[in-house]
């Protein structure tokens, strides 16, 4: 619980907001990469 409170406190600073945006973007592109249709290289 303390870690969540520390995270929300860090989001109030400009650096924390930038960090959150970067983490969300990385997560978004990772999920997008995982769920894309891969070419059939395994055949």
Protein backbone atom coordinates (compact mmCIF):
# COMPACT_ATOMS: atom_id res chain seq x y z
CA UNK A 1 0.00 0.00 0.00
CA UNK A 2 2.86 2.36 0.80
CA UNK A 3 4.32 1.87 -2.67
CA UNK A 4 1.03 2.91 -4.25
CA UNK A 5 0.93 6.05 -2.12
CA UNK A 6 4.53 6.87 -3.06
CA UNK A 7 3.65 6.41 -6.72
CA UNK A 8 0.65 8.74 -6.52
CA UNK A 9 2.79 11.32 -4.72
CA UNK A 10 5.44 11.15 -7.45
CA UNK A 11 2.76 11.66 -10.13
CA UNK A 12 2.14 15.15 -8.75
CA UNK A 13 5.58 16.31 -9.93
CA UNK A 14 6.34 17.07 -13.60
CA UNK A 15 9.00 14.35 -13.72
CA UNK A 16 6.52 11.86 -12.30
CA UNK A 17 3.99 12.73 -14.98
CA UNK A 18 6.59 12.28 -17.71
CA UNK A 19 7.62 8.95 -16.18
CA UNK A 20 4.00 7.78 -16.08
CA UNK A 21 3.48 8.74 -19.73
CA UNK A 22 6.64 6.87 -20.74
CA UNK A 23 5.61 3.76 -18.79
CA UNK A 24 2.11 3.82 -20.29
CA UNK A 25 3.52 4.26 -23.81
CA UNK A 26 5.96 1.38 -23.37
CA UNK A 27 3.17 -0.83 -22.04
CA UNK A 28 0.89 0.13 -24.93
CA UNK A 29 3.47 -0.63 -27.60
CA UNK A 30 4.47 -3.88 -25.87
CA UNK A 31 0.87 -5.10 -25.84
CA UNK A 32 0.43 -3.96 -29.45
CA UNK A 33 3.61 -5.85 -30.43
CA UNK A 34 2.56 -9.02 -28.59
CA UNK A 35 -0.88 -9.16 -30.18
CA UNK A 36 0.12 -8.36 -33.77
CA UNK A 37 -0.13 -11.13 -36.35
CA UNK A 38 3.33 -12.54 -36.84
CA UNK A 39 4.44 -13.85 -40.23
CA UNK A 40 4.51 -17.64 -40.40
CA UNK A 41 8.23 -18.08 -39.77
CA UNK A 42 7.65 -21.25 -37.74
CA UNK A 43 6.66 -23.41 -40.74
